[in-house]
Amino acid sequence: MGYMYLSFAIVGELIGDNLLKASAGFTRPVYGISALLSYGICFYFFSLSLKTINLNIAYAVWRSEEHTS
């Protein structure tokens, strides 16, 4: 279950990154607010994943995915 939560966190971060780019420096409020919500969901699922996965492994998977995308 922890890896499923971690994958949700990764997807949430990818969506947030794309929405942040689309917000054009927060000049488009809908995209900016959506990006912040997406990051909030991302961190929520990351915290859920830490209940079953060690922090060092979860963080390594989360960060390595970001560098490959």
N, C-alpha and C. Protein backbone atom coordinates (compact mmCIF):
# COMPACT_ATOMS: atom_id res chain seq x y z
N MET A 1 0.82 -1.19 0.00
CA MET A 1 0.00 0.00 0.00
C MET A 1 0.87 1.26 0.00
N GLY A 2 2.02 1.18 0.66
CA GLY A 2 2.90 2.34 0.73
C GLY A 2 3.43 2.77 -0.63
N TYR A 3 3.74 1.78 -1.47
CA TYR A 3 4.24 2.13 -2.80
C TYR A 3 3.15 2.71 -3.69
N MET A 4 1.91 2.31 -3.45
CA MET A 4 0.81 2.92 -4.19
C MET A 4 0.67 4.39 -3.80
N TYR A 5 0.75 4.68 -2.50
CA TYR A 5 0.70 6.06 -2.05
C TYR A 5 1.87 6.86 -2.60
N LEU A 6 3.03 6.24 -2.65
CA LEU A 6 4.20 6.92 -3.19
C LEU A 6 4.01 7.23 -4.68
N SER A 7 3.40 6.30 -5.41
CA SER A 7 3.16 6.57 -6.83
C SER A 7 2.13 7.69 -7.01
N PHE A 8 1.13 7.77 -6.13
CA PHE A 8 0.18 8.88 -6.18
C PHE A 8 0.90 10.20 -5.91
N ALA A 9 1.84 10.19 -4.97
CA ALA A 9 2.60 11.40 -4.67
C ALA A 9 3.44 11.83 -5.86
N ILE A 10 4.03 10.88 -6.55
CA ILE A 10 4.85 11.19 -7.72
C ILE A 10 4.00 11.77 -8.83
N VAL A 11 2.86 11.17 -9.08
CA VAL A 11 1.96 11.68 -10.12
C VAL A 11 1.46 13.07 -9.74
N GLY A 12 1.14 13.27 -8.47
CA GLY A 12 0.70 14.59 -8.02
C GLY A 12 1.76 15.65 -8.21
N GLU A 13 3.01 15.28 -7.99
CA GLU A 13 4.08 16.24 -8.19
C GLU A 13 4.26 16.56 -9.67
N LEU A 14 4.16 15.56 -10.52
CA LEU A 14 4.29 15.81 -11.96
C LEU A 14 3.17 16.74 -12.45
N ILE A 15 1.97 16.50 -11.98
CA ILE A 15 0.84 17.37 -12.35
C ILE A 15 1.09 18.78 -11.82
N GLY A 16 1.53 18.87 -10.57
CA GLY A 16 1.81 20.18 -9.99
C GLY A 16 2.89 20.93 -10.74
N ASP A 17 3.94 20.23 -11.17
CA ASP A 17 5.01 20.87 -11.93
C ASP A 17 4.48 21.44 -13.24
N ASN A 18 3.65 20.67 -13.93
CA ASN A 18 3.10 21.15 -15.19
C ASN A 18 2.14 22.31 -14.99
N LEU A 19 1.34 22.24 -13.93
CA LEU A 19 0.42 23.35 -13.65
C LEU A 19 1.18 24.61 -13.23
N LEU A 20 2.28 24.43 -12.52
CA LEU A 20 3.08 25.58 -12.12
C LEU A 20 3.67 26.27 -13.34
N LYS A 21 4.11 25.48 -14.30
CA LYS A 21 4.63 26.06 -15.54
C LYS A 21 3.52 26.78 -16.30
N ALA A 22 2.32 26.17 -16.31
CA ALA A 22 1.19 26.78 -17.03
C ALA A 22 0.70 28.05 -16.35
N SER A 23 0.99 28.22 -15.07
CA SER A 23 0.52 29.41 -14.36
C SER A 23 1.28 30.67 -14.77
N ALA A 24 2.40 30.51 -15.44
CA ALA A 24 3.20 31.63 -15.94
C ALA A 24 3.51 32.63 -14.83
N GLY A 25 4.15 32.13 -13.78
CA GLY A 25 4.52 33.00 -12.68
C GLY A 25 3.34 33.47 -11.85
N PHE A 26 2.35 32.62 -11.72
CA PHE A 26 1.11 32.90 -10.97
C PHE A 26 0.32 34.07 -11.56
N THR A 27 0.50 34.34 -12.85
CA THR A 27 -0.32 35.36 -13.49
C THR A 27 -1.65 34.79 -13.95
N ARG A 28 -1.77 33.47 -13.97
CA ARG A 28 -3.02 32.79 -14.27
C ARG A 28 -3.45 32.08 -12.99
N PRO A 29 -4.37 32.69 -12.25
CA PRO A 29 -4.67 32.20 -10.90
C PRO A 29 -5.24 30.79 -10.84
N VAL A 30 -6.01 30.39 -11.81
CA VAL A 30 -6.60 29.05 -11.77
C VAL A 30 -5.51 27.98 -11.81
N TYR A 31 -4.54 28.18 -12.68
CA TYR A 31 -3.44 27.22 -12.77
C TYR A 31 -2.57 27.26 -11.52
N GLY A 32 -2.34 28.45 -10.99
CA GLY A 32 -1.52 28.58 -9.79
C GLY A 32 -2.15 27.91 -8.58
N ILE A 33 -3.45 28.12 -8.38
CA ILE A 33 -4.15 27.49 -7.26
C ILE A 33 -4.21 25.99 -7.45
N SER A 34 -4.42 25.55 -8.67
CA SER A 34 -4.44 24.11 -8.94
C SER A 34 -3.08 23.48 -8.67
N ALA A 35 -2.01 24.19 -8.98
CA ALA A 35 -0.67 23.68 -8.70
C ALA A 35 -0.46 23.53 -7.20
N LEU A 36 -0.88 24.53 -6.44
CA LEU A 36 -0.72 24.45 -4.98
C LEU A 36 -1.54 23.30 -4.39
N LEU A 37 -2.74 23.09 -4.89
CA LEU A 37 -3.56 21.97 -4.42
C LEU A 37 -2.91 20.64 -4.78
N SER A 38 -2.37 20.57 -5.97
CA SER A 38 -1.71 19.34 -6.40
C SER A 38 -0.49 19.03 -5.53
N TYR A 39 0.28 20.06 -5.17
CA TYR A 39 1.42 19.84 -4.28
C TYR A 39 0.96 19.41 -2.89
N GLY A 40 -0.15 19.97 -2.43
CA GLY A 40 -0.69 19.57 -1.13
C GLY A 40 -1.08 18.11 -1.12
N ILE A 41 -1.74 17.68 -2.18
CA ILE A 41 -2.13 16.27 -2.32
C ILE A 41 -0.88 15.39 -2.41
N CYS A 42 0.11 15.88 -3.12
CA CYS A 42 1.37 15.16 -3.28
C CYS A 42 2.02 14.89 -1.92
N PHE A 43 2.13 15.93 -1.10
CA PHE A 43 2.77 15.76 0.21
C PHE A 43 1.91 14.92 1.15
N TYR A 44 0.60 14.99 1.00
CA TYR A 44 -0.27 14.15 1.82
C TYR A 44 -0.03 12.68 1.53
N PHE A 45 0.00 12.31 0.24
CA PHE A 45 0.23 10.91 -0.11
C PHE A 45 1.65 10.48 0.22
N PHE A 46 2.60 11.40 0.13
CA PHE A 46 3.97 11.05 0.53
C PHE A 46 4.02 10.74 2.02
N SER A 47 3.31 11.51 2.81
CA SER A 47 3.31 11.24 4.25
C SER A 47 2.62 9.92 4.57
N LEU A 48 1.59 9.56 3.81
CA LEU A 48 0.95 8.26 4.01
C LEU A 48 1.89 7.12 3.65
N SER A 49 2.69 7.32 2.62
CA SER A 49 3.61 6.26 2.21
C SER A 49 4.68 6.02 3.26
N LEU A 50 4.99 7.04 4.05
CA LEU A 50 6.04 6.89 5.07
C LEU A 50 5.61 6.03 6.23
N LYS A 51 4.34 5.67 6.31
CA LYS A 51 3.89 4.77 7.38
C LYS A 51 4.39 3.35 7.17
N THR A 52 4.67 2.98 5.91
CA THR A 52 5.10 1.61 5.62
C THR A 52 6.47 1.53 4.94
N ILE A 53 6.95 2.64 4.38
CA ILE A 53 8.23 2.64 3.69
C ILE A 53 9.19 3.51 4.49
N ASN A 54 10.44 3.08 4.60
CA ASN A 54 11.45 3.89 5.28
C ASN A 54 11.65 5.21 4.54
N LEU A 55 11.94 6.25 5.30
CA LEU A 55 12.10 7.58 4.73
C LEU A 55 13.18 7.63 3.66
N ASN A 56 14.32 7.00 3.92
CA ASN A 56 15.41 7.08 2.96
C ASN A 56 15.06 6.42 1.63
N ILE A 57 14.34 5.34 1.66
CA ILE A 57 13.95 4.67 0.42
C ILE A 57 12.87 5.46 -0.31
N ALA A 58 11.86 5.93 0.43
CA ALA A 58 10.77 6.68 -0.19
C ALA A 58 11.29 7.97 -0.83
N TYR A 59 12.16 8.67 -0.12
CA TYR A 59 12.70 9.92 -0.66
C TYR A 59 13.58 9.67 -1.87
N ALA A 60 14.37 8.61 -1.84
CA ALA A 60 15.23 8.29 -2.99
C ALA A 60 14.40 7.97 -4.22
N VAL A 61 13.33 7.20 -4.04
CA VAL A 61 12.46 6.86 -5.18
C VAL A 61 11.77 8.12 -5.70
N TRP A 62 11.28 8.95 -4.79
CA TRP A 62 10.55 10.15 -5.17
C TRP A 62 11.45 11.13 -5.91
N ARG A 63 12.64 11.35 -5.42
CA ARG A 63 13.56 12.29 -6.06
C ARG A 63 14.16 11.74 -7.35
N SER A 64 14.46 10.45 -7.39
CA SER A 64 15.04 9.89 -8.61
C SER A 64 14.05 9.92 -9.75
N GLU A 65 12.77 9.78 -9.43
CA GLU A 65 11.74 9.86 -10.48
C GLU A 65 11.69 11.27 -11.04
N GLU A 66 11.84 12.26 -10.19
CA GLU A 66 11.76 13.64 -10.67
C GLU A 66 12.91 13.96 -11.60
N HIS A 67 14.08 13.43 -11.31
CA HIS A 67 15.23 13.73 -12.15
C HIS A 67 15.18 13.01 -13.49
N THR A 68 14.42 11.94 -13.57
CA THR A 68 14.33 11.22 -14.85
C THR A 68 13.23 11.77 -15.74
N SER A 69 12.29 12.52 -15.17
CA SER A 69 11.19 13.04 -16.02
C SER A 69 11.48 14.42 -16.53
